[in-house]
Amino acid sequence: TLFDGVFRPVKGQDGAETAVEIINAKSIRISNKRNGVLTQVVINTLSDDNNTISNEYIRLDKDGKITGVTHVTYTRRKKY
């Protein structure tokens, strides 16, 4: 993945393109298009202790209106 914000085709998914860009040292933005229409933006943010990633999934309709937002948090497993 290149972190330059340029949309590129997704192999194996006709009409799908993805762009990834760095927001800051702990966050990236992933933008997904389908047939030229932006359908989803995902913002991944790594915690200060590097043990948790918070994801915000933003879904959009064909006019760019937000139709839903989902928040997910992933926590690193502790080694035993």
N, C-alpha and C. Protein backbone atom coordinates (compact mmCIF):
# COMPACT_ATOMS: atom_id res chain seq x y z
N THR A 1 0.85 -1.19 0.00
CA THR A 1 0.00 0.00 0.00
C THR A 1 0.88 1.24 0.00
N LEU A 2 0.53 2.17 -0.84
CA LEU A 2 1.20 3.47 -0.83
C LEU A 2 0.33 4.44 -0.04
N PHE A 3 0.94 5.27 0.75
CA PHE A 3 0.22 6.19 1.63
C PHE A 3 0.22 7.60 1.04
N ASP A 4 -0.16 7.71 -0.23
CA ASP A 4 -0.09 9.00 -0.92
C ASP A 4 -1.46 9.58 -1.27
N GLY A 5 -2.55 8.92 -0.88
CA GLY A 5 -3.89 9.44 -1.14
C GLY A 5 -4.37 9.26 -2.56
N VAL A 6 -3.63 8.53 -3.40
CA VAL A 6 -4.00 8.32 -4.79
C VAL A 6 -4.85 7.05 -4.89
N PHE A 7 -6.00 7.14 -5.57
CA PHE A 7 -6.85 5.97 -5.77
C PHE A 7 -6.20 5.00 -6.74
N ARG A 8 -6.24 3.72 -6.35
CA ARG A 8 -5.68 2.65 -7.18
C ARG A 8 -6.67 1.50 -7.23
N PRO A 9 -6.69 0.75 -8.34
CA PRO A 9 -7.61 -0.39 -8.46
C PRO A 9 -7.33 -1.45 -7.40
N VAL A 10 -8.39 -2.12 -6.97
CA VAL A 10 -8.28 -3.23 -6.03
C VAL A 10 -8.30 -4.51 -6.84
N LYS A 11 -7.24 -5.28 -6.76
CA LYS A 11 -7.12 -6.51 -7.53
C LYS A 11 -8.23 -7.49 -7.14
N GLY A 12 -8.90 -8.04 -8.14
CA GLY A 12 -9.94 -9.01 -7.91
C GLY A 12 -11.32 -8.44 -7.62
N GLN A 13 -11.45 -7.10 -7.60
CA GLN A 13 -12.75 -6.47 -7.35
C GLN A 13 -13.01 -5.44 -8.44
N ASP A 14 -13.76 -5.85 -9.46
CA ASP A 14 -14.05 -4.97 -10.59
C ASP A 14 -14.71 -3.67 -10.12
N GLY A 15 -14.21 -2.55 -10.60
CA GLY A 15 -14.78 -1.24 -10.29
C GLY A 15 -14.40 -0.69 -8.94
N ALA A 16 -13.58 -1.41 -8.17
CA ALA A 16 -13.20 -0.95 -6.83
C ALA A 16 -11.84 -0.27 -6.87
N GLU A 17 -11.75 0.85 -6.14
CA GLU A 17 -10.50 1.59 -5.99
C GLU A 17 -10.34 1.99 -4.53
N THR A 18 -9.10 2.05 -4.08
CA THR A 18 -8.81 2.45 -2.71
C THR A 18 -7.64 3.43 -2.69
N ALA A 19 -7.75 4.41 -1.79
CA ALA A 19 -6.66 5.36 -1.56
C ALA A 19 -6.37 5.38 -0.06
N VAL A 20 -5.09 5.42 0.29
CA VAL A 20 -4.68 5.46 1.70
C VAL A 20 -3.78 6.68 1.90
N GLU A 21 -4.04 7.42 2.97
CA GLU A 21 -3.21 8.59 3.25
C GLU A 21 -2.94 8.71 4.75
N ILE A 22 -1.81 9.28 5.06
CA ILE A 22 -1.43 9.51 6.45
C ILE A 22 -2.07 10.81 6.92
N ILE A 23 -2.75 10.74 8.06
CA ILE A 23 -3.33 11.94 8.68
C ILE A 23 -2.31 12.55 9.63
N ASN A 24 -1.73 11.69 10.48
CA ASN A 24 -0.67 12.11 11.41
C ASN A 24 0.10 10.86 11.80
N ALA A 25 0.97 10.97 12.77
CA ALA A 25 1.84 9.84 13.14
C ALA A 25 1.08 8.62 13.64
N LYS A 26 -0.16 8.78 14.08
CA LYS A 26 -0.93 7.68 14.64
C LYS A 26 -2.21 7.36 13.86
N SER A 27 -2.49 8.08 12.79
CA SER A 27 -3.76 7.89 12.09
C SER A 27 -3.59 7.85 10.58
N ILE A 28 -4.41 6.98 9.94
CA ILE A 28 -4.47 6.95 8.47
C ILE A 28 -5.94 7.00 8.05
N ARG A 29 -6.16 7.42 6.82
CA ARG A 29 -7.50 7.46 6.23
C ARG A 29 -7.50 6.56 5.00
N ILE A 30 -8.45 5.66 4.93
CA ILE A 30 -8.63 4.78 3.78
C ILE A 30 -9.94 5.17 3.12
N SER A 31 -9.89 5.49 1.84
CA SER A 31 -11.09 5.87 1.09
C SER A 31 -11.35 4.80 0.04
N ASN A 32 -12.59 4.33 -0.01
CA ASN A 32 -12.97 3.28 -0.94
C ASN A 32 -14.00 3.79 -1.94
N LYS A 33 -13.73 3.53 -3.22
CA LYS A 33 -14.66 3.88 -4.29
C LYS A 33 -15.16 2.61 -4.95
N ARG A 34 -16.38 2.67 -5.45
CA ARG A 34 -16.95 1.59 -6.25
C ARG A 34 -17.55 2.25 -7.48
N ASN A 35 -17.05 1.84 -8.65
CA ASN A 35 -17.51 2.40 -9.93
C ASN A 35 -17.44 3.94 -9.94
N GLY A 36 -16.36 4.47 -9.38
CA GLY A 36 -16.10 5.90 -9.39
C GLY A 36 -16.80 6.70 -8.30
N VAL A 37 -17.58 6.04 -7.45
CA VAL A 37 -18.32 6.73 -6.39
C VAL A 37 -17.70 6.39 -5.04
N LEU A 38 -17.39 7.41 -4.25
CA LEU A 38 -16.86 7.21 -2.90
C LEU A 38 -17.96 6.59 -2.05
N THR A 39 -17.70 5.39 -1.51
CA THR A 39 -18.72 4.66 -0.74
C THR A 39 -18.38 4.51 0.73
N GLN A 40 -17.09 4.62 1.06
CA GLN A 40 -16.69 4.41 2.46
C GLN A 40 -15.37 5.12 2.74
N VAL A 41 -15.29 5.65 3.97
CA VAL A 41 -14.03 6.20 4.48
C VAL A 41 -13.79 5.52 5.82
N VAL A 42 -12.57 5.02 6.00
CA VAL A 42 -12.20 4.37 7.25
C VAL A 42 -11.04 5.15 7.85
N ILE A 43 -11.18 5.53 9.11
CA ILE A 43 -10.10 6.22 9.80
C ILE A 43 -9.58 5.29 10.89
N ASN A 44 -8.30 4.94 10.81
CA ASN A 44 -7.64 4.06 11.78
C ASN A 44 -6.74 4.92 12.66
N THR A 45 -6.91 4.81 13.97
CA THR A 45 -6.09 5.57 14.90
C THR A 45 -5.47 4.64 15.92
N LEU A 46 -4.15 4.67 16.02
CA LEU A 46 -3.39 3.86 16.96
C LEU A 46 -3.26 4.62 18.28
N SER A 47 -3.46 3.92 19.39
CA SER A 47 -3.37 4.55 20.71
C SER A 47 -1.93 4.97 21.03
N ASP A 48 -1.79 5.82 22.02
CA ASP A 48 -0.46 6.29 22.41
C ASP A 48 0.44 5.16 22.88
N ASP A 49 -0.15 4.12 23.50
CA ASP A 49 0.66 2.99 23.97
C ASP A 49 0.84 1.90 22.89
N ASN A 50 0.31 2.16 21.70
CA ASN A 50 0.41 1.23 20.56
C ASN A 50 -0.27 -0.11 20.77
N ASN A 51 -1.21 -0.21 21.68
CA ASN A 51 -1.88 -1.47 21.97
C ASN A 51 -3.33 -1.53 21.51
N THR A 52 -3.86 -0.41 21.03
CA THR A 52 -5.26 -0.35 20.61
C THR A 52 -5.37 0.41 19.29
N ILE A 53 -6.18 -0.12 18.39
CA ILE A 53 -6.50 0.59 17.16
C ILE A 53 -8.00 0.87 17.16
N SER A 54 -8.36 2.12 17.00
CA SER A 54 -9.76 2.51 16.88
C SER A 54 -10.06 2.78 15.42
N ASN A 55 -11.11 2.15 14.90
CA ASN A 55 -11.51 2.35 13.52
C ASN A 55 -12.88 3.00 13.47
N GLU A 56 -13.01 3.97 12.60
CA GLU A 56 -14.30 4.59 12.35
C GLU A 56 -14.63 4.33 10.89
N TYR A 57 -15.72 3.62 10.64
CA TYR A 57 -16.17 3.29 9.29
C TYR A 57 -17.32 4.22 8.93
N ILE A 58 -17.13 5.04 7.91
CA ILE A 58 -18.15 5.99 7.49
C ILE A 58 -18.66 5.56 6.11
N ARG A 59 -19.96 5.26 6.03
CA ARG A 59 -20.57 4.84 4.77
C ARG A 59 -21.28 6.03 4.14
N LEU A 60 -21.18 6.11 2.81
CA LEU A 60 -21.75 7.24 2.07
C LEU A 60 -22.64 6.73 0.94
N ASP A 61 -23.69 7.53 0.61
CA ASP A 61 -24.50 7.18 -0.55
C ASP A 61 -23.89 7.81 -1.80
N LYS A 62 -24.52 7.63 -2.94
CA LYS A 62 -23.97 8.11 -4.22
C LYS A 62 -23.83 9.62 -4.29
N ASP A 63 -24.54 10.34 -3.41
CA ASP A 63 -24.46 11.80 -3.38
C ASP A 63 -23.48 12.32 -2.34
N GLY A 64 -22.79 11.41 -1.66
CA GLY A 64 -21.81 11.80 -0.65
C GLY A 64 -22.39 12.02 0.73
N LYS A 65 -23.69 11.71 0.91
CA LYS A 65 -24.33 11.86 2.21
C LYS A 65 -23.97 10.67 3.10
N ILE A 66 -23.64 10.94 4.35
CA ILE A 66 -23.31 9.88 5.30
C ILE A 66 -24.58 9.08 5.62
N THR A 67 -24.50 7.77 5.42
CA THR A 67 -25.65 6.90 5.70
C THR A 67 -25.46 6.07 6.95
N GLY A 68 -24.24 6.03 7.47
CA GLY A 68 -23.99 5.28 8.69
C GLY A 68 -22.55 5.39 9.12
N VAL A 69 -22.35 5.24 10.42
CA VAL A 69 -21.00 5.27 11.00
C VAL A 69 -20.91 4.14 12.01
N THR A 70 -19.84 3.37 11.93
CA THR A 70 -19.60 2.28 12.87
C THR A 70 -18.23 2.49 13.50
N HIS A 71 -18.15 2.26 14.79
CA HIS A 71 -16.89 2.38 15.52
C HIS A 71 -16.49 1.00 16.02
N VAL A 72 -15.23 0.66 15.81
CA VAL A 72 -14.70 -0.63 16.26
C VAL A 72 -13.35 -0.38 16.93
N THR A 73 -13.09 -1.09 18.02
CA THR A 73 -11.80 -0.97 18.69
C THR A 73 -11.16 -2.36 18.76
N TYR A 74 -9.92 -2.43 18.34
CA TYR A 74 -9.15 -3.67 18.39
C TYR A 74 -8.05 -3.50 19.43
N THR A 75 -7.95 -4.46 20.35
CA THR A 75 -6.94 -4.41 21.40
C THR A 75 -5.95 -5.55 21.20
N ARG A 76 -4.66 -5.22 21.31
CA ARG A 76 -3.61 -6.23 21.18
C ARG A 76 -3.76 -7.28 22.27
N ARG A 77 -3.63 -8.54 21.87
CA ARG A 77 -3.67 -9.62 22.84
C ARG A 77 -2.42 -9.60 23.71
N LYS A 78 -2.60 -9.95 24.94
CA LYS A 78 -1.45 -10.05 25.84
C LYS A 78 -0.76 -11.38 25.59
N LYS A 79 0.56 -11.37 25.62
CA LYS A 79 1.32 -12.60 25.45
C LYS A 79 1.39 -13.33 26.79
N TYR A 80 1.18 -14.63 26.74
CA TYR A 80 1.21 -15.43 27.97
C TYR A 80 2.42 -16.30 27.99
